Amino acid sequence: MTYMTKKERALKAVEALKAEYPDAECSLVASDPFQLLVATRLSAQCTDARVNLVTPALFEKYKTIEDFANAELSDVEDLIRTCGFYHDKAKSIIGMAKGVLENFDGKVPDTIEDLITLPGVGRKTANLIVGDVYKKPAVVVDTHLIRITNLLGLVDSKDQKTIEFELKKILPPEESNDFCHRIVMHGRAVCIARRPQCDKCCMRDFCKSAK
């Protein structure tokens, strides 16, 4: 393998994944920014597929941010129970709705700094909203991104914030959000945790960990 800078390897990864997964998109189903905020909160320690089974009934009952802000905690808990950690998630969903109404005039904020002031919203969720809703450069650091960018040799850390800032230095800003979605798709299909299928990988020629 010829020597490559991290930036060169990142560009190769961007192009390889773009060819392999032309349709980069978030797998969570939501029809407005607050719904995406809720779905992302529910996805913590839970699969996106499970979240997508739960949210239709939730969004049917609570149609607006005001509905969520005025919701009974026990009612929200009952609707999201199968997503796990339902008490904390229900509490923060109601808190997020109140925070958006009280501090941001009912509009989901468009900066990471503002978003992380909301209950239950960390940098991963904030980056997803900033990137998917407001189309600003973002790096969504989930377990797939942590694992695969370490394997590729783009980062050498398990810390989410460190990885976010390291990748922001080497990824083209206009590609970073789609890159993260494609990494998730690749992590589910090919570079599976503990059993990566390196022989099928579109990045095997420049991956530092390829067998």
N, C-alpha and C. Protein backbone atom coordinates (compact mmCIF):
# COMPACT_ATOMS: atom_id res chain seq x y z
N MET A 1 0.85 -1.20 0.00
CA MET A 1 0.00 0.00 0.00
C MET A 1 0.89 1.25 0.00
N THR A 2 0.72 2.10 -0.99
CA THR A 2 1.53 3.32 -1.04
C THR A 2 1.09 4.27 0.07
N TYR A 3 2.05 5.09 0.51
CA TYR A 3 1.75 6.02 1.61
C TYR A 3 0.71 7.05 1.16
N MET A 4 -0.25 7.27 2.02
CA MET A 4 -1.29 8.28 1.75
C MET A 4 -1.49 9.12 2.99
N THR A 5 -1.72 10.40 2.80
CA THR A 5 -2.10 11.23 3.94
C THR A 5 -3.54 10.87 4.32
N LYS A 6 -3.94 11.27 5.51
CA LYS A 6 -5.32 11.01 5.95
C LYS A 6 -6.32 11.69 5.02
N LYS A 7 -5.95 12.89 4.56
CA LYS A 7 -6.84 13.63 3.66
C LYS A 7 -7.01 12.89 2.34
N GLU A 8 -5.92 12.35 1.80
CA GLU A 8 -5.99 11.59 0.55
C GLU A 8 -6.82 10.32 0.72
N ARG A 9 -6.62 9.66 1.87
CA ARG A 9 -7.40 8.44 2.13
C ARG A 9 -8.88 8.78 2.32
N ALA A 10 -9.14 9.90 2.97
CA ALA A 10 -10.54 10.34 3.17
C ALA A 10 -11.21 10.61 1.83
N LEU A 11 -10.52 11.26 0.92
CA LEU A 11 -11.09 11.54 -0.41
C LEU A 11 -11.37 10.26 -1.17
N LYS A 12 -10.46 9.29 -1.05
CA LYS A 12 -10.68 7.99 -1.71
C LYS A 12 -11.92 7.30 -1.12
N ALA A 13 -12.05 7.38 0.20
CA ALA A 13 -13.20 6.78 0.87
C ALA A 13 -14.51 7.44 0.43
N VAL A 14 -14.49 8.76 0.34
CA VAL A 14 -15.67 9.51 -0.12
C VAL A 14 -16.10 9.03 -1.51
N GLU A 15 -15.15 8.94 -2.42
CA GLU A 15 -15.47 8.54 -3.81
C GLU A 15 -15.92 7.09 -3.90
N ALA A 16 -15.24 6.20 -3.17
CA ALA A 16 -15.59 4.77 -3.21
C ALA A 16 -17.01 4.54 -2.67
N LEU A 17 -17.32 5.20 -1.56
CA LEU A 17 -18.65 5.04 -0.96
C LEU A 17 -19.74 5.68 -1.81
N LYS A 18 -19.39 6.78 -2.46
CA LYS A 18 -20.36 7.46 -3.33
C LYS A 18 -20.74 6.55 -4.50
N ALA A 19 -19.75 5.85 -5.04
CA ALA A 19 -20.01 4.92 -6.15
C ALA A 19 -20.82 3.71 -5.68
N GLU A 20 -20.53 3.25 -4.47
CA GLU A 20 -21.18 2.04 -3.93
C GLU A 20 -22.60 2.32 -3.44
N TYR A 21 -22.79 3.49 -2.85
CA TYR A 21 -24.10 3.86 -2.27
C TYR A 21 -24.49 5.25 -2.78
N PRO A 22 -24.94 5.34 -4.02
CA PRO A 22 -25.24 6.67 -4.59
C PRO A 22 -26.33 7.43 -3.83
N ASP A 23 -27.28 6.70 -3.26
CA ASP A 23 -28.37 7.36 -2.52
C ASP A 23 -28.06 7.39 -1.03
N ALA A 24 -27.43 8.45 -0.60
CA ALA A 24 -27.10 8.58 0.83
C ALA A 24 -28.27 9.24 1.54
N GLU A 25 -28.83 8.54 2.50
CA GLU A 25 -29.93 9.17 3.25
C GLU A 25 -30.03 8.60 4.64
N CYS A 26 -30.61 9.38 5.51
CA CYS A 26 -30.85 8.95 6.88
C CYS A 26 -31.96 7.90 6.86
N SER A 27 -31.77 6.82 7.61
CA SER A 27 -32.78 5.76 7.59
C SER A 27 -33.95 6.02 8.54
N LEU A 28 -33.85 7.06 9.36
CA LEU A 28 -34.97 7.42 10.24
C LEU A 28 -36.05 8.15 9.44
N VAL A 29 -37.31 7.78 9.64
CA VAL A 29 -38.42 8.38 8.90
C VAL A 29 -39.02 9.52 9.73
N ALA A 30 -39.02 10.71 9.14
CA ALA A 30 -39.58 11.89 9.82
C ALA A 30 -40.02 12.89 8.76
N SER A 31 -41.06 13.67 9.07
CA SER A 31 -41.57 14.61 8.06
C SER A 31 -41.32 16.07 8.41
N ASP A 32 -40.71 16.34 9.58
CA ASP A 32 -40.34 17.72 9.89
C ASP A 32 -39.15 17.70 10.86
N PRO A 33 -38.49 18.85 11.06
CA PRO A 33 -37.29 18.86 11.90
C PRO A 33 -37.49 18.32 13.31
N PHE A 34 -38.61 18.66 13.95
CA PHE A 34 -38.80 18.18 15.31
C PHE A 34 -39.02 16.67 15.34
N GLN A 35 -39.72 16.14 14.36
CA GLN A 35 -39.89 14.69 14.29
C GLN A 35 -38.53 13.99 14.15
N LEU A 36 -37.65 14.56 13.36
CA LEU A 36 -36.32 13.97 13.20
C LEU A 36 -35.54 14.04 14.52
N LEU A 37 -35.71 15.13 15.23
CA LEU A 37 -35.07 15.29 16.54
C LEU A 37 -35.56 14.20 17.49
N VAL A 38 -36.86 13.96 17.50
CA VAL A 38 -37.45 12.92 18.35
C VAL A 38 -36.96 11.53 17.93
N ALA A 39 -37.00 11.26 16.64
CA ALA A 39 -36.58 9.94 16.14
C ALA A 39 -35.11 9.67 16.47
N THR A 40 -34.28 10.69 16.35
CA THR A 40 -32.86 10.53 16.65
C THR A 40 -32.64 10.27 18.13
N ARG A 41 -33.40 10.94 18.97
CA ARG A 41 -33.31 10.69 20.43
C ARG A 41 -33.72 9.25 20.73
N LEU A 42 -34.74 8.77 20.06
CA LEU A 42 -35.21 7.40 20.29
C LEU A 42 -34.19 6.36 19.82
N SER A 43 -33.36 6.74 18.85
CA SER A 43 -32.45 5.77 18.24
C SER A 43 -31.23 5.45 19.11
N ALA A 44 -31.04 6.19 20.21
CA ALA A 44 -29.92 5.89 21.11
C ALA A 44 -30.10 4.48 21.68
N GLN A 45 -29.07 3.65 21.56
CA GLN A 45 -29.12 2.24 22.01
C GLN A 45 -30.34 1.49 21.46
N CYS A 46 -30.72 1.84 20.23
CA CYS A 46 -31.87 1.19 19.60
C CYS A 46 -31.67 1.25 18.09
N THR A 47 -32.20 0.27 17.36
CA THR A 47 -32.02 0.28 15.90
C THR A 47 -32.98 1.29 15.25
N ASP A 48 -32.54 1.83 14.12
CA ASP A 48 -33.40 2.74 13.36
C ASP A 48 -34.67 2.02 12.91
N ALA A 49 -34.54 0.74 12.59
CA ALA A 49 -35.72 -0.04 12.14
C ALA A 49 -36.78 -0.09 13.24
N ARG A 50 -36.35 -0.30 14.47
CA ARG A 50 -37.29 -0.33 15.60
C ARG A 50 -37.92 1.04 15.81
N VAL A 51 -37.11 2.10 15.72
CA VAL A 51 -37.64 3.46 15.88
C VAL A 51 -38.73 3.73 14.84
N ASN A 52 -38.48 3.31 13.60
CA ASN A 52 -39.45 3.56 12.53
C ASN A 52 -40.75 2.78 12.72
N LEU A 53 -40.72 1.73 13.54
CA LEU A 53 -41.96 1.00 13.87
C LEU A 53 -42.76 1.75 14.95
N VAL A 54 -42.03 2.47 15.78
CA VAL A 54 -42.65 3.14 16.94
C VAL A 54 -43.18 4.54 16.60
N THR A 55 -42.46 5.27 15.75
CA THR A 55 -42.80 6.69 15.54
C THR A 55 -44.14 6.96 14.84
N PRO A 56 -44.65 6.11 13.94
CA PRO A 56 -45.94 6.46 13.32
C PRO A 56 -47.05 6.72 14.33
N ALA A 57 -47.19 5.85 15.33
CA ALA A 57 -48.25 6.05 16.34
C ALA A 57 -47.94 7.27 17.21
N LEU A 58 -46.65 7.47 17.50
CA LEU A 58 -46.25 8.62 18.32
C LEU A 58 -46.56 9.93 17.60
N PHE A 59 -46.22 10.00 16.32
CA PHE A 59 -46.43 11.24 15.56
C PHE A 59 -47.89 11.43 15.16
N GLU A 60 -48.65 10.36 15.19
CA GLU A 60 -50.09 10.47 14.95
C GLU A 60 -50.78 11.10 16.16
N LYS A 61 -50.32 10.73 17.35
CA LYS A 61 -50.92 11.27 18.57
C LYS A 61 -50.43 12.69 18.86
N TYR A 62 -49.14 12.93 18.65
CA TYR A 62 -48.54 14.24 18.92
C TYR A 62 -48.10 14.86 17.60
N LYS A 63 -48.95 15.72 17.06
CA LYS A 63 -48.72 16.23 15.70
C LYS A 63 -47.84 17.48 15.67
N THR A 64 -47.77 18.20 16.79
CA THR A 64 -47.02 19.46 16.80
C THR A 64 -46.07 19.49 18.00
N ILE A 65 -45.16 20.46 17.98
CA ILE A 65 -44.24 20.62 19.11
C ILE A 65 -45.04 20.95 20.37
N GLU A 66 -46.12 21.73 20.21
CA GLU A 66 -46.97 22.07 21.37
C GLU A 66 -47.60 20.80 21.96
N ASP A 67 -48.02 19.89 21.08
CA ASP A 67 -48.60 18.62 21.56
C ASP A 67 -47.58 17.87 22.43
N PHE A 68 -46.34 17.80 21.96
CA PHE A 68 -45.29 17.11 22.72
C PHE A 68 -45.01 17.82 24.04
N ALA A 69 -44.98 19.15 24.01
CA ALA A 69 -44.68 19.92 25.23
C ALA A 69 -45.73 19.70 26.30
N ASN A 70 -46.97 19.47 25.88
CA ASN A 70 -48.08 19.29 26.83
C ASN A 70 -48.40 17.83 27.11
N ALA A 71 -47.59 16.92 26.60
CA ALA A 71 -47.87 15.49 26.73
C ALA A 71 -47.68 15.00 28.16
N GLU A 72 -48.42 13.96 28.49
CA GLU A 72 -48.23 13.27 29.78
C GLU A 72 -47.04 12.33 29.63
N LEU A 73 -46.14 12.38 30.59
CA LEU A 73 -44.93 11.55 30.54
C LEU A 73 -45.29 10.07 30.37
N SER A 74 -46.25 9.59 31.14
CA SER A 74 -46.60 8.16 31.09
C SER A 74 -47.16 7.76 29.72
N ASP A 75 -47.87 8.68 29.07
CA ASP A 75 -48.43 8.38 27.74
C ASP A 75 -47.31 8.23 26.71
N VAL A 76 -46.34 9.14 26.76
CA VAL A 76 -45.20 9.05 25.82
C VAL A 76 -44.41 7.78 26.11
N GLU A 77 -44.21 7.47 27.39
CA GLU A 77 -43.48 6.25 27.78
C GLU A 77 -44.14 5.01 27.18
N ASP A 78 -45.45 4.94 27.28
CA ASP A 78 -46.17 3.77 26.75
C ASP A 78 -45.95 3.60 25.25
N LEU A 79 -45.91 4.72 24.53
CA LEU A 79 -45.77 4.66 23.07
C LEU A 79 -44.36 4.31 22.62
N ILE A 80 -43.36 4.63 23.44
CA ILE A 80 -41.96 4.41 23.01
C ILE A 80 -41.28 3.28 23.80
N ARG A 81 -42.05 2.56 24.60
CA ARG A 81 -41.48 1.57 25.52
C ARG A 81 -40.51 0.59 24.85
N THR A 82 -40.83 0.15 23.64
CA THR A 82 -40.00 -0.88 23.00
C THR A 82 -38.67 -0.35 22.47
N CYS A 83 -38.46 0.97 22.57
CA CYS A 83 -37.18 1.54 22.13
C CYS A 83 -36.11 1.48 23.23
N GLY A 84 -36.51 1.04 24.43
CA GLY A 84 -35.54 0.97 25.53
C GLY A 84 -35.30 2.34 26.16
N PHE A 85 -34.88 2.32 27.44
CA PHE A 85 -34.61 3.56 28.18
C PHE A 85 -35.76 4.56 28.01
N TYR A 86 -36.98 4.01 28.01
CA TYR A 86 -38.15 4.82 27.62
C TYR A 86 -38.45 5.96 28.59
N HIS A 87 -38.09 5.79 29.89
CA HIS A 87 -38.38 6.87 30.84
C HIS A 87 -37.52 8.10 30.53
N ASP A 88 -36.22 7.88 30.40
CA ASP A 88 -35.31 9.00 30.09
C ASP A 88 -35.62 9.62 28.74
N LYS A 89 -35.92 8.77 27.75
CA LYS A 89 -36.20 9.28 26.41
C LYS A 89 -37.49 10.10 26.38
N ALA A 90 -38.54 9.61 27.06
CA ALA A 90 -39.82 10.34 27.11
C ALA A 90 -39.64 11.68 27.80
N LYS A 91 -38.88 11.67 28.89
CA LYS A 91 -38.64 12.90 29.65
C LYS A 91 -37.90 13.94 28.78
N SER A 92 -36.89 13.48 28.05
CA SER A 92 -36.13 14.44 27.25
C SER A 92 -36.90 14.89 26.01
N ILE A 93 -37.75 14.03 25.45
CA ILE A 93 -38.56 14.44 24.29
C ILE A 93 -39.52 15.58 24.69
N ILE A 94 -40.18 15.43 25.83
CA ILE A 94 -41.07 16.49 26.32
C ILE A 94 -40.24 17.75 26.63
N GLY A 95 -39.08 17.55 27.24
CA GLY A 95 -38.19 18.67 27.56
C GLY A 95 -37.68 19.38 26.32
N MET A 96 -37.38 18.61 25.27
CA MET A 96 -36.92 19.21 24.01
C MET A 96 -38.01 20.11 23.44
N ALA A 97 -39.25 19.60 23.46
CA ALA A 97 -40.37 20.38 22.92
C ALA A 97 -40.53 21.69 23.69
N LYS A 98 -40.46 21.61 25.01
CA LYS A 98 -40.58 22.83 25.83
C LYS A 98 -39.43 23.79 25.56
N GLY A 99 -38.22 23.24 25.39
CA GLY A 99 -37.05 24.06 25.13
C GLY A 99 -37.14 24.79 23.79
N VAL A 100 -37.62 24.08 22.77
CA VAL A 100 -37.77 24.69 21.44
C VAL A 100 -38.80 25.82 21.49
N LEU A 101 -39.89 25.59 22.20
CA LEU A 101 -40.95 26.61 22.31
C LEU A 101 -40.50 27.81 23.13
N GLU A 102 -39.86 27.54 24.25
CA GLU A 102 -39.52 28.63 25.18
C GLU A 102 -38.28 29.43 24.76
N ASN A 103 -37.31 28.73 24.15
CA ASN A 103 -36.03 29.39 23.88
C ASN A 103 -35.76 29.69 22.41
N PHE A 104 -36.53 29.05 21.52
CA PHE A 104 -36.24 29.22 20.08
C PHE A 104 -37.50 29.52 19.26
N ASP A 105 -38.49 30.12 19.91
CA ASP A 105 -39.72 30.54 19.22
C ASP A 105 -40.38 29.42 18.42
N GLY A 106 -40.27 28.20 18.93
CA GLY A 106 -40.96 27.07 18.28
C GLY A 106 -40.27 26.53 17.05
N LYS A 107 -39.05 26.99 16.78
CA LYS A 107 -38.32 26.51 15.60
C LYS A 107 -37.08 25.74 16.06
N VAL A 108 -36.92 24.53 15.54
CA VAL A 108 -35.75 23.73 15.88
C VAL A 108 -34.49 24.51 15.46
N PRO A 109 -33.57 24.77 16.39
CA PRO A 109 -32.40 25.59 16.04
C PRO A 109 -31.50 24.95 14.99
N ASP A 110 -30.68 25.80 14.35
CA ASP A 110 -29.88 25.33 13.22
C ASP A 110 -28.38 25.33 13.50
N THR A 111 -28.00 25.44 14.78
CA THR A 111 -26.59 25.35 15.13
C THR A 111 -26.38 24.27 16.19
N ILE A 112 -25.21 23.67 16.17
CA ILE A 112 -24.88 22.64 17.16
C ILE A 112 -24.92 23.23 18.56
N GLU A 113 -24.37 24.45 18.70
CA GLU A 113 -24.30 25.09 20.02
C GLU A 113 -25.69 25.27 20.64
N ASP A 114 -26.67 25.67 19.82
CA ASP A 114 -28.04 25.84 20.34
C ASP A 114 -28.72 24.49 20.57
N LEU A 115 -28.54 23.58 19.65
CA LEU A 115 -29.21 22.27 19.76
C LEU A 115 -28.80 21.52 21.02
N ILE A 116 -27.52 21.58 21.37
CA ILE A 116 -27.07 20.80 22.54
C ILE A 116 -27.51 21.41 23.87
N THR A 117 -28.19 22.57 23.82
CA THR A 117 -28.78 23.10 25.06
C THR A 117 -30.11 22.40 25.36
N LEU A 118 -30.66 21.66 24.40
CA LEU A 118 -31.93 20.98 24.60
C LEU A 118 -31.72 19.66 25.36
N PRO A 119 -32.66 19.28 26.22
CA PRO A 119 -32.51 18.04 26.99
C PRO A 119 -32.32 16.82 26.08
N GLY A 120 -31.34 16.00 26.42
CA GLY A 120 -31.14 14.74 25.68
C GLY A 120 -30.48 14.88 24.32
N VAL A 121 -30.10 16.10 23.93
CA VAL A 121 -29.49 16.30 22.62
C VAL A 121 -27.97 16.43 22.77
N GLY A 122 -27.26 15.45 22.22
CA GLY A 122 -25.80 15.49 22.22
C GLY A 122 -25.30 15.92 20.84
N ARG A 123 -24.00 15.87 20.65
CA ARG A 123 -23.40 16.36 19.41
C ARG A 123 -23.80 15.49 18.21
N LYS A 124 -23.98 14.19 18.44
CA LYS A 124 -24.38 13.30 17.34
C LYS A 124 -25.73 13.74 16.78
N THR A 125 -26.71 13.90 17.66
CA THR A 125 -28.05 14.33 17.25
C THR A 125 -28.00 15.72 16.62
N ALA A 126 -27.26 16.62 17.25
CA ALA A 126 -27.17 18.00 16.75
C ALA A 126 -26.58 18.03 15.34
N ASN A 127 -25.53 17.25 15.10
CA ASN A 127 -24.93 17.20 13.76
C ASN A 127 -25.90 16.65 12.73
N LEU A 128 -26.69 15.66 13.13
CA LEU A 128 -27.67 15.10 12.19
C LEU A 128 -28.70 16.15 11.78
N ILE A 129 -29.21 16.90 12.73
CA ILE A 129 -30.19 17.95 12.43
C ILE A 129 -29.58 19.04 11.56
N VAL A 130 -28.39 19.49 11.95
CA VAL A 130 -27.70 20.56 11.20
C VAL A 130 -27.43 20.12 9.76
N GLY A 131 -27.03 18.86 9.59
CA GLY A 131 -26.71 18.37 8.26
C GLY A 131 -27.92 18.02 7.42
N ASP A 132 -28.84 17.23 7.99
CA ASP A 132 -29.98 16.73 7.20
C ASP A 132 -31.07 17.77 7.01
N VAL A 133 -31.32 18.57 8.03
CA VAL A 133 -32.40 19.56 7.95
C VAL A 133 -31.91 20.86 7.33
N TYR A 134 -30.77 21.35 7.82
CA TYR A 134 -30.32 22.68 7.41
C TYR A 134 -29.19 22.66 6.37
N LYS A 135 -28.80 21.44 5.97
CA LYS A 135 -27.83 21.26 4.86
C LYS A 135 -26.51 21.98 5.09
N LYS A 136 -26.10 22.03 6.36
CA LYS A 136 -24.78 22.58 6.69
C LYS A 136 -23.80 21.42 6.85
N PRO A 137 -22.50 21.67 6.68
CA PRO A 137 -21.52 20.59 6.88
C PRO A 137 -21.64 20.01 8.29
N ALA A 138 -21.67 18.69 8.38
CA ALA A 138 -21.85 18.04 9.68
C ALA A 138 -21.17 16.68 9.66
N VAL A 139 -20.80 16.21 10.85
CA VAL A 139 -20.22 14.87 11.00
C VAL A 139 -20.98 14.16 12.12
N VAL A 140 -21.78 13.17 11.75
CA VAL A 140 -22.59 12.44 12.71
C VAL A 140 -21.80 11.21 13.18
N VAL A 141 -21.33 11.25 14.41
CA VAL A 141 -20.45 10.18 14.91
C VAL A 141 -21.27 9.13 15.65
N ASP A 142 -21.54 8.02 14.97
CA ASP A 142 -22.21 6.89 15.61
C ASP A 142 -21.23 5.73 15.69
N THR A 143 -21.71 4.56 16.14
CA THR A 143 -20.81 3.42 16.34
C THR A 143 -20.18 2.96 15.03
N HIS A 144 -20.94 3.01 13.93
CA HIS A 144 -20.38 2.60 12.63
C HIS A 144 -19.23 3.53 12.23
N LEU A 145 -19.46 4.83 12.39
CA LEU A 145 -18.43 5.80 11.99
C LEU A 145 -17.18 5.64 12.85
N ILE A 146 -17.36 5.45 14.14
CA ILE A 146 -16.22 5.27 15.04
C ILE A 146 -15.40 4.06 14.59
N ARG A 147 -16.08 2.94 14.39
CA ARG A 147 -15.40 1.69 14.03
C ARG A 147 -14.69 1.78 12.69
N ILE A 148 -15.42 2.24 11.67
CA ILE A 148 -14.89 2.17 10.30
C ILE A 148 -13.82 3.22 10.04
N THR A 149 -13.97 4.41 10.58
CA THR A 149 -12.93 5.42 10.35
C THR A 149 -11.63 5.06 11.07
N ASN A 150 -11.75 4.34 12.19
CA ASN A 150 -10.54 3.81 12.85
C ASN A 150 -9.90 2.72 12.02
N LEU A 151 -10.71 1.82 11.48
CA LEU A 151 -10.19 0.74 10.64
C LEU A 151 -9.50 1.30 9.39
N LEU A 152 -10.11 2.32 8.80
CA LEU A 152 -9.54 2.94 7.59
C LEU A 152 -8.22 3.65 7.87
N GLY A 153 -8.04 4.08 9.12
CA GLY A 153 -6.85 4.85 9.45
C GLY A 153 -7.06 6.35 9.33
N LEU A 154 -8.32 6.77 9.30
CA LEU A 154 -8.62 8.21 9.21
C LEU A 154 -8.52 8.87 10.58
N VAL A 155 -8.82 8.10 11.63
CA VAL A 155 -8.72 8.60 13.00
C VAL A 155 -8.10 7.51 13.87
N ASP A 156 -7.64 7.90 15.04
CA ASP A 156 -7.12 6.93 16.01
C ASP A 156 -7.67 7.32 17.37
N SER A 157 -8.97 7.15 17.52
CA SER A 157 -9.65 7.55 18.75
C SER A 157 -11.02 6.91 18.81
N LYS A 158 -11.51 6.71 20.02
CA LYS A 158 -12.88 6.23 20.19
C LYS A 158 -13.77 7.35 20.73
N ASP A 159 -13.18 8.52 20.97
CA ASP A 159 -13.92 9.64 21.54
C ASP A 159 -14.72 10.36 20.44
N GLN A 160 -16.03 10.48 20.66
CA GLN A 160 -16.91 11.03 19.63
C GLN A 160 -16.53 12.44 19.19
N LYS A 161 -16.27 13.30 20.17
CA LYS A 161 -15.97 14.70 19.83
C LYS A 161 -14.63 14.81 19.09
N THR A 162 -13.65 14.04 19.54
CA THR A 162 -12.35 14.03 18.86
C THR A 162 -12.51 13.60 17.41
N ILE A 163 -13.27 12.52 17.19
CA ILE A 163 -13.48 12.02 15.84
C ILE A 163 -14.21 13.05 14.98
N GLU A 164 -15.22 13.67 15.54
CA GLU A 164 -15.97 14.71 14.80
C GLU A 164 -15.02 15.79 14.29
N PHE A 165 -14.16 16.31 15.17
CA PHE A 165 -13.28 17.41 14.77
C PHE A 165 -12.15 16.95 13.85
N GLU A 166 -11.66 15.73 14.05
CA GLU A 166 -10.62 15.20 13.17
C GLU A 166 -11.16 15.02 11.75
N LEU A 167 -12.37 14.48 11.65
CA LEU A 167 -12.96 14.26 10.32
C LEU A 167 -13.32 15.58 9.64
N LYS A 168 -13.71 16.57 10.42
CA LYS A 168 -14.03 17.87 9.83
C LYS A 168 -12.80 18.51 9.17
N LYS A 169 -11.61 18.11 9.65
CA LYS A 169 -10.37 18.64 9.07
C LYS A 169 -10.04 17.99 7.73
N ILE A 170 -10.45 16.73 7.54
CA ILE A 170 -9.99 15.99 6.35
C ILE A 170 -11.08 15.68 5.32
N LEU A 171 -12.35 15.83 5.69
CA LEU A 171 -13.43 15.58 4.73
C LEU A 171 -13.83 16.87 4.03
N PRO A 172 -14.11 16.82 2.73
CA PRO A 172 -14.66 18.01 2.07
C PRO A 172 -15.99 18.37 2.75
N PRO A 173 -16.18 19.61 3.18
CA PRO A 173 -17.39 19.98 3.93
C PRO A 173 -18.69 19.59 3.23
N GLU A 174 -18.72 19.75 1.91
CA GLU A 174 -19.95 19.45 1.16
C GLU A 174 -20.24 17.95 1.08
N GLU A 175 -19.25 17.13 1.45
CA GLU A 175 -19.42 15.67 1.37
C GLU A 175 -19.62 15.01 2.73
N SER A 176 -19.34 15.76 3.80
CA SER A 176 -19.23 15.11 5.11
C SER A 176 -20.52 14.45 5.59
N ASN A 177 -21.65 15.12 5.39
CA ASN A 177 -22.91 14.56 5.88
C ASN A 177 -23.27 13.26 5.16
N ASP A 178 -23.19 13.28 3.82
CA ASP A 178 -23.50 12.07 3.05
C ASP A 178 -22.49 10.96 3.34
N PHE A 179 -21.24 11.33 3.56
CA PHE A 179 -20.20 10.36 3.91
C PHE A 179 -20.62 9.57 5.15
N CYS A 180 -21.14 10.28 6.16
CA CYS A 180 -21.56 9.62 7.41
C CYS A 180 -22.72 8.66 7.16
N HIS A 181 -23.69 9.07 6.35
CA HIS A 181 -24.81 8.18 6.04
C HIS A 181 -24.32 6.93 5.29
N ARG A 182 -23.39 7.15 4.37
CA ARG A 182 -22.87 6.01 3.58
C ARG A 182 -22.05 5.05 4.44
N ILE A 183 -21.33 5.61 5.39
CA ILE A 183 -20.57 4.75 6.32
C ILE A 183 -21.52 3.84 7.09
N VAL A 184 -22.66 4.38 7.53
CA VAL A 184 -23.65 3.58 8.25
C VAL A 184 -24.17 2.46 7.34
N MET A 185 -24.48 2.80 6.09
CA MET A 185 -24.97 1.79 5.14
C MET A 185 -23.91 0.70 4.93
N HIS A 186 -22.66 1.12 4.82
CA HIS A 186 -21.56 0.19 4.61
C HIS A 186 -21.33 -0.69 5.84
N GLY A 187 -21.49 -0.08 7.01
CA GLY A 187 -21.32 -0.82 8.26
C GLY A 187 -22.38 -1.89 8.45
N ARG A 188 -23.56 -1.64 7.93
CA ARG A 188 -24.64 -2.64 8.03
C ARG A 188 -24.51 -3.74 6.98
N ALA A 189 -23.99 -3.35 5.81
CA ALA A 189 -23.98 -4.30 4.69
C ALA A 189 -22.68 -5.09 4.55
N VAL A 190 -21.53 -4.45 4.82
CA VAL A 190 -20.24 -5.07 4.51
C VAL A 190 -19.27 -5.07 5.69
N CYS A 191 -18.97 -3.89 6.22
CA CYS A 191 -17.99 -3.80 7.31
C CYS A 191 -18.71 -4.00 8.64
N ILE A 192 -19.20 -5.21 8.82
CA ILE A 192 -20.03 -5.53 9.98
C ILE A 192 -19.14 -5.73 11.21
N ALA A 193 -19.57 -5.23 12.33
CA ALA A 193 -18.78 -5.33 13.56
C ALA A 193 -18.41 -6.79 13.85
N ARG A 194 -17.14 -7.01 14.12
CA ARG A 194 -16.57 -8.31 14.47
C ARG A 194 -16.54 -9.32 13.32
N ARG A 195 -17.17 -9.01 12.20
CA ARG A 195 -17.04 -9.91 11.03
C ARG A 195 -17.07 -9.11 9.72
N PRO A 196 -16.09 -8.23 9.57
CA PRO A 196 -16.04 -7.44 8.33
C PRO A 196 -15.77 -8.32 7.11
N GLN A 197 -16.46 -8.03 6.03
CA GLN A 197 -16.29 -8.79 4.79
C GLN A 197 -15.34 -8.02 3.86
N CYS A 198 -14.05 -8.08 4.21
CA CYS A 198 -13.06 -7.26 3.51
C CYS A 198 -12.99 -7.59 2.01
N ASP A 199 -13.26 -8.85 1.66
CA ASP A 199 -13.17 -9.24 0.24
C ASP A 199 -14.25 -8.55 -0.60
N LYS A 200 -15.32 -8.08 0.05
CA LYS A 200 -16.41 -7.41 -0.68
C LYS A 200 -16.35 -5.89 -0.55
N CYS A 201 -15.33 -5.39 0.16
CA CYS A 201 -15.31 -3.97 0.51
C CYS A 201 -14.77 -3.10 -0.61
N CYS A 202 -15.48 -2.02 -0.89
CA CYS A 202 -15.07 -1.07 -1.94
C CYS A 202 -13.86 -0.23 -1.51
N MET A 203 -13.45 -0.35 -0.25
CA MET A 203 -12.33 0.45 0.25
C MET A 203 -11.12 -0.41 0.63
N ARG A 204 -11.16 -1.69 0.28
CA ARG A 204 -10.09 -2.61 0.72
C ARG A 204 -8.70 -2.22 0.21
N ASP A 205 -8.64 -1.57 -0.95
CA ASP A 205 -7.33 -1.24 -1.52
C ASP A 205 -6.57 -0.16 -0.75
N PHE A 206 -7.30 0.63 0.02
CA PHE A 206 -6.61 1.68 0.79
C PHE A 206 -6.95 1.67 2.27
N CYS A 207 -7.67 0.65 2.73
CA CYS A 207 -8.00 0.54 4.15
C CYS A 207 -6.81 -0.01 4.91
N LYS A 208 -6.44 0.64 5.99
CA LYS A 208 -5.27 0.22 6.76
C LYS A 208 -5.47 -1.15 7.41
N SER A 209 -6.72 -1.53 7.64
CA SER A 209 -6.99 -2.77 8.36
C SER A 209 -7.46 -3.91 7.46
N ALA A 210 -7.53 -3.67 6.15
CA ALA A 210 -8.05 -4.71 5.24
C ALA A 210 -7.18 -5.96 5.33
N LYS A 211 -7.85 -7.10 5.35
CA LYS A 211 -7.12 -8.35 5.46
C LYS A 211 -6.41 -8.66 4.15
